[in-house]
C-alpha atoms as a PDB file:
ATOM      1  CA  UNK A   1       0.012   0.008  -0.002  1.00  0.00           C
ATOM      2  CA  UNK A   2       1.247   3.438  -0.919  1.00  0.00           C
ATOM      3  CA  UNK A   3       0.251   6.782   0.510  1.00  0.00           C
ATOM      4  CA  UNK A   4       0.551   8.735   3.691  1.00  0.00           C
ATOM      5  CA  UNK A   5      -0.750   7.481   6.984  1.00  0.00           C
ATOM      6  CA  UNK A   6      -4.088   8.829   8.087  1.00  0.00           C
ATOM      7  CA  UNK A   7      -3.801  11.769  10.496  1.00  0.00           C
ATOM      8  CA  UNK A   8      -4.013  10.890  14.145  1.00  0.00           C
ATOM      9  CA  UNK A   9      -7.360  11.446  15.818  1.00  0.00           C
ATOM     10  CA  UNK A  10      -7.806  14.581  17.873  1.00  0.00           C
ATOM     11  CA  UNK A  11      -8.635  12.688  21.073  1.00  0.00           C
ATOM     12  CA  UNK A  12      -5.163  11.059  20.944  1.00  0.00           C
ATOM     13  CA  UNK A  13      -3.506  14.460  20.480  1.00  0.00           C
ATOM     14  CA  UNK A  14      -5.521  15.980  23.366  1.00  0.00           C
ATOM     15  CA  UNK A  15      -4.614  13.046  25.602  1.00  0.00           C
ATOM     16  CA  UNK A  16      -0.914  13.612  24.882  1.00  0.00           C
ATOM     17  CA  UNK A  17      -1.229  17.369  25.486  1.00  0.00           C
ATOM     18  CA  UNK A  18      -3.079  16.961  28.782  1.00  0.00           C
ATOM     19  CA  UNK A  19      -6.185  18.590  27.276  1.00  0.00           C
ATOM     20  CA  UNK A  20      -4.363  21.678  26.067  1.00  0.00           C
ATOM     21  CA  UNK A  21      -4.982  23.015  22.557  1.00  0.00           C
ATOM     22  CA  UNK A  22      -3.178  21.293  19.706  1.00  0.00           C
ATOM     23  CA  UNK A  23      -2.044  22.603  16.339  1.00  0.00           C
ATOM     24  CA  UNK A  24      -3.112  20.791  13.190  1.00  0.00           C
ATOM     25  CA  UNK A  25      -2.872  22.109   9.638  1.00  0.00           C
ATOM     26  CA  UNK A  26      -1.987  25.561  10.954  1.00  0.00           C
ATOM     27  CA  UNK A  27      -5.075  25.794  13.199  1.00  0.00           C
ATOM     28  CA  UNK A  28      -5.238  25.752  16.989  1.00  0.00           C
ATOM     29  CA  UNK A  29      -7.827  23.156  17.992  1.00  0.00           C
ATOM     30  CA  UNK A  30      -9.389  23.126  21.429  1.00  0.00           C
ATOM     31  CA  UNK A  31     -10.961  20.283  23.350  1.00  0.00           C
ATOM     32  CA  UNK A  32     -12.776  22.912  25.423  1.00  0.00           C
ATOM     33  CA  UNK A  33     -12.427  26.693  25.467  1.00  0.00           C
ATOM     34  CA  UNK A  34     -12.240  28.679  28.698  1.00  0.00           C
ATOM     35  CA  UNK A  35     -13.558  32.224  29.005  1.00  0.00           C
ATOM     36  CA  UNK A  36     -13.173  34.333  32.157  1.00  0.00           C
ATOM     37  CA  UNK A  37     -16.504  35.426  33.669  1.00  0.00           C
ATOM     38  CA  UNK A  38     -17.390  36.937  37.025  1.00  0.00           C
ATOM     39  CA  UNK A  39     -19.689  39.305  38.855  1.00  0.00           C
ATOM     40  CA  UNK A  40     -19.481  41.799  35.997  1.00  0.00           C
ATOM     41  CA  UNK A  41     -20.843  39.212  33.533  1.00  0.00           C
ATOM     42  CA  UNK A  42     -24.612  38.872  33.512  1.00  0.00           C
ATOM     43  CA  UNK A  43     -25.368  37.381  30.123  1.00  0.00           C
ATOM     44  CA  UNK A  44     -24.089  35.079  27.411  1.00  0.00           C
ATOM     45  CA  UNK A  45     -25.593  35.201  23.959  1.00  0.00           C
ATOM     46  CA  UNK A  46     -25.295  32.132  21.714  1.00  0.00           C
ATOM     47  CA  UNK A  47     -26.095  32.475  18.053  1.00  0.00           C
ATOM     48  CA  UNK A  48     -26.016  29.323  15.926  1.00  0.00           C
ATOM     49  CA  UNK A  49     -25.178  29.793  12.255  1.00  0.00           C
ATOM     50  CA  UNK A  50     -24.892  26.252  10.903  1.00  0.00           C
ATOM     51  CA  UNK A  51     -24.831  22.603  11.775  1.00  0.00           C
ATOM     52  CA  UNK A  52     -25.154  19.141  10.288  1.00  0.00           C
ATOM     53  CA  UNK A  53     -28.260  17.086  11.049  1.00  0.00           C
ATOM     54  CA  UNK A  54     -26.490  13.803  11.785  1.00  0.00           C
ATOM     55  CA  UNK A  55     -25.298  13.264  14.363  1.00  0.00           C
ATOM     56  CA  UNK A  56     -27.323  15.836  16.288  1.00  0.00           C
ATOM     57  CA  UNK A  57     -24.912  18.504  17.483  1.00  0.00           C
ATOM     58  CA  UNK A  58     -24.853  20.265  20.831  1.00  0.00           C
ATOM     59  CA  UNK A  59     -23.026  22.997  22.751  1.00  0.00           C
ATOM     60  CA  UNK A  60     -22.113  22.471  26.422  1.00  0.00           C
ATOM     61  CA  UNK A  61     -21.586  25.398  28.774  1.00  0.00           C
ATOM     62  CA  UNK A  62     -20.280  24.978  32.322  1.00  0.00           C
ATOM     63  CA  UNK A  63     -19.494  27.746  34.775  1.00  0.00           C
ATOM     64  CA  UNK A  64     -17.280  27.234  37.776  1.00  0.00           C
ATOM     65  CA  UNK A  65     -18.357  28.993  40.996  1.00  0.00           C
ATOM     66  CA  UNK A  66     -21.782  30.063  39.776  1.00  0.00           C
ATOM     67  CA  UNK A  67     -24.870  29.149  37.759  1.00  0.00           C
ATOM     68  CA  UNK A  68     -26.270  29.648  34.283  1.00  0.00           C
ATOM     69  CA  UNK A  69     -29.963  30.375  33.768  1.00  0.00           C
ATOM     70  CA  UNK A  70     -32.365  29.843  30.864  1.00  0.00           C
ATOM     71  CA  UNK A  71     -36.163  30.174  31.031  1.00  0.00           C
ATOM     72  CA  UNK A  72     -36.217  30.168  34.844  1.00  0.00           C
ATOM     73  CA  UNK A  73     -34.001  27.126  35.251  1.00  0.00           C
ATOM     74  CA  UNK A  74     -30.542  27.466  36.804  1.00  0.00           C
ATOM     75  CA  UNK A  75     -27.653  25.023  36.818  1.00  0.00           C
ATOM     76  CA  UNK A  76     -23.831  25.223  36.642  1.00  0.00           C
ATOM     77  CA  UNK A  77     -23.939  23.360  33.298  1.00  0.00           C
ATOM     78  CA  UNK A  78     -26.244  23.442  30.280  1.00  0.00           C
ATOM     79  CA  UNK A  79     -26.455  21.667  26.908  1.00  0.00           C
ATOM     80  CA  UNK A  80     -28.108  23.225  23.849  1.00  0.00           C
ATOM     81  CA  UNK A  81     -29.092  20.626  21.232  1.00  0.00           C
ATOM     82  CA  UNK A  82     -29.402  21.782  17.645  1.00  0.00           C
ATOM     83  CA  UNK A  83     -32.623  19.815  17.079  1.00  0.00           C
ATOM     84  CA  UNK A  84     -34.310  21.762  19.906  1.00  0.00           C
ATOM     85  CA  UNK A  85     -32.553  25.055  20.597  1.00  0.00           C
ATOM     86  CA  UNK A  86     -33.561  28.305  18.868  1.00  0.00           C
ATOM     87  CA  UNK A  87     -30.924  29.950  16.657  1.00  0.00           C
ATOM     88  CA  UNK A  88     -30.414  32.696  19.263  1.00  0.00           C
ATOM     89  CA  UNK A  89     -30.258  31.945  22.990  1.00  0.00           C
ATOM     90  CA  UNK A  90     -29.619  34.333  25.878  1.00  0.00           C
ATOM     91  CA  UNK A  91     -28.184  32.710  29.001  1.00  0.00           C
ATOM     92  CA  UNK A  92     -28.120  34.468  32.358  1.00  0.00           C
ATOM     93  CA  UNK A  93     -24.914  34.252  34.341  1.00  0.00           C
ATOM     94  CA  UNK A  94     -24.499  34.510  38.105  1.00  0.00           C
ATOM     95  CA  UNK A  95     -20.816  33.859  38.764  1.00  0.00           C
ATOM     96  CA  UNK A  96     -18.270  34.559  41.458  1.00  0.00           C
ATOM     97  CA  UNK A  97     -15.297  36.816  40.766  1.00  0.00           C
ATOM     98  CA  UNK A  98     -12.616  34.916  38.890  1.00  0.00           C
ATOM     99  CA  UNK A  99     -14.915  32.177  37.540  1.00  0.00           C
ATOM    100  CA  UNK A 100     -14.450  30.538  34.180  1.00  0.00           C
ATOM    101  CA  UNK A 101     -16.981  29.561  31.537  1.00  0.00           C
ATOM    102  CA  UNK A 102     -16.006  26.346  29.787  1.00  0.00           C
ATOM    103  CA  UNK A 103     -17.417  25.760  26.275  1.00  0.00           C
ATOM    104  CA  UNK A 104     -17.227  22.522  24.296  1.00  0.00           C
ATOM    105  CA  UNK A 105     -19.116  20.732  21.587  1.00  0.00           C
ATOM    106  CA  UNK A 106     -20.932  17.432  21.875  1.00  0.00           C
ATOM    107  CA  UNK A 107     -23.159  15.232  19.768  1.00  0.00           C
ATOM    108  CA  UNK A 108     -25.887  12.710  20.390  1.00  0.00           C
ATOM    109  CA  UNK A 109     -24.681   9.138  20.120  1.00  0.00           C
ATOM    110  CA  UNK A 110     -26.582   6.305  18.456  1.00  0.00           C
ATOM    111  CA  UNK A 111     -28.229   5.355  21.773  1.00  0.00           C
ATOM    112  CA  UNK A 112     -29.233   8.967  22.601  1.00  0.00           C
ATOM    113  CA  UNK A 113     -26.294   9.548  24.938  1.00  0.00           C
ATOM    114  CA  UNK A 114     -24.281  12.751  25.014  1.00  0.00           C
ATOM    115  CA  UNK A 115     -20.843  12.148  23.500  1.00  0.00           C
ATOM    116  CA  UNK A 116     -17.889  14.529  23.635  1.00  0.00           C
ATOM    117  CA  UNK A 117     -14.089  14.591  23.506  1.00  0.00           C
ATOM    118  CA  UNK A 118     -13.895  11.367  21.490  1.00  0.00           C
ATOM    119  CA  UNK A 119     -12.460  10.621  18.049  1.00  0.00           C
ATOM    120  CA  UNK A 120     -12.074  13.805  16.037  1.00  0.00           C
ATOM    121  CA  UNK A 121     -14.051  16.135  18.351  1.00  0.00           C
ATOM    122  CA  UNK A 122     -12.626  19.590  18.704  1.00  0.00           C
ATOM    123  CA  UNK A 123     -13.224  23.280  18.167  1.00  0.00           C
ATOM    124  CA  UNK A 124     -11.487  26.132  16.399  1.00  0.00           C
ATOM    125  CA  UNK A 125     -12.127  29.436  18.171  1.00  0.00           C
ATOM    126  CA  UNK A 126     -11.679  32.804  16.542  1.00  0.00           C
ATOM    127  CA  UNK A 127     -11.606  35.703  18.999  1.00  0.00           C
ATOM    128  CA  UNK A 128     -13.470  38.472  17.151  1.00  0.00           C
ATOM    129  CA  UNK A 129     -12.767  40.994  19.951  1.00  0.00           C
ATOM    130  CA  UNK A 130     -12.862  40.962  23.715  1.00  0.00           C
ATOM    131  CA  UNK A 131     -15.962  39.077  24.846  1.00  0.00           C
ATOM    132  CA  UNK A 132     -16.911  37.879  21.331  1.00  0.00           C
ATOM    133  CA  UNK A 133     -15.967  34.488  19.911  1.00  0.00           C
ATOM    134  CA  UNK A 134     -16.759  32.378  16.846  1.00  0.00           C
ATOM    135  CA  UNK A 135     -16.535  28.602  17.062  1.00  0.00           C
ATOM    136  CA  UNK A 136     -16.261  25.978  14.296  1.00  0.00           C
ATOM    137  CA  UNK A 137     -16.714  22.472  15.630  1.00  0.00           C
ATOM    138  CA  UNK A 138     -15.939  18.924  14.555  1.00  0.00           C
ATOM    139  CA  UNK A 139     -17.975  16.102  16.008  1.00  0.00           C
ATOM    140  CA  UNK A 140     -15.989  13.044  16.942  1.00  0.00           C
ATOM    141  CA  UNK A 141     -17.442  10.844  14.232  1.00  0.00           C
ATOM    142  CA  UNK A 142     -15.470  10.246  11.050  1.00  0.00           C
ATOM    143  CA  UNK A 143     -12.720  12.553   9.817  1.00  0.00           C
ATOM    144  CA  UNK A 144     -12.146  15.960  11.410  1.00  0.00           C
ATOM    145  CA  UNK A 145     -14.699  18.357   9.823  1.00  0.00           C
ATOM    146  CA  UNK A 146     -15.043  21.767  11.425  1.00  0.00           C
ATOM    147  CA  UNK A 147     -18.322  22.431   9.666  1.00  0.00           C
ATOM    148  CA  UNK A 148     -20.270  20.068  11.978  1.00  0.00           C
ATOM    149  CA  UNK A 149     -21.481  23.128  13.915  1.00  0.00           C
ATOM    150  CA  UNK A 150     -20.751  26.845  13.908  1.00  0.00           C
ATOM    151  CA  UNK A 151     -21.846  29.366  16.491  1.00  0.00           C
ATOM    152  CA  UNK A 152     -20.949  32.748  17.938  1.00  0.00           C
ATOM    153  CA  UNK A 153     -20.747  33.401  21.651  1.00  0.00           C
ATOM    154  CA  UNK A 154     -20.819  36.847  23.216  1.00  0.00           C
ATOM    155  CA  UNK A 155     -20.139  37.477  26.882  1.00  0.00           C
ATOM    156  CA  UNK A 156     -21.167  40.709  28.570  1.00  0.00           C
ATOM    157  CA  UNK A 157     -23.688  42.622  30.641  1.00  0.00           C
ATOM    158  CA  UNK A 158     -27.364  43.210  29.994  1.00  0.00           C
ATOM    159  CA  UNK A 159     -28.032  46.869  29.168  1.00  0.00           C
ATOM    160  CA  UNK A 160     -31.128  48.906  28.332  1.00  0.00           C
ATOM    161  CA  UNK A 161     -34.270  46.828  27.900  1.00  0.00           C
ATOM    162  CA  UNK A 162     -32.408  43.578  28.524  1.00  0.00           C
ATOM    163  CA  UNK A 163     -32.342  42.860  24.800  1.00  0.00           C
ATOM    164  CA  UNK A 164     -28.955  44.474  24.396  1.00  0.00           C
ATOM    165  CA  UNK A 165     -25.679  42.975  25.493  1.00  0.00           C
ATOM    166  CA  UNK A 166     -22.524  44.959  26.100  1.00  0.00           C
ATOM    167  CA  UNK A 167     -19.059  43.416  26.217  1.00  0.00           C
END
């Protein structure tokens, strides 16, 4: 057999790096992305711009030392599934000073379970400006494909009528 060996899966690279970002084809790929939040942060806005239908994609948010709130429900961690979430979601934040928001992608496995950090799962994050990020995600199934899900995340404070967000 001729030809180059298949690239190593992202989960192997993340295991070797201790979960730190890895470089592949000139891109920094993250297993999870950490964003500082605290008492000055009161809102996160997620805006989904694209995703594949199979497997069903999801975004996981987890805040240390605080809670996230959507529609009257509060919890330190939330999952937004693309087959159920609206294209724009505002999430309330009640976090302690020095807390971190952790963001990662997941997908629904063949038995309905939440799967993450396996195979070729990973995210490319572009920092648009302070408090504003764009993510391109690869589910863990098959080859790495960072078009599995794309979304923007904006972290800031509620201003005005509550419909505005300020970084």
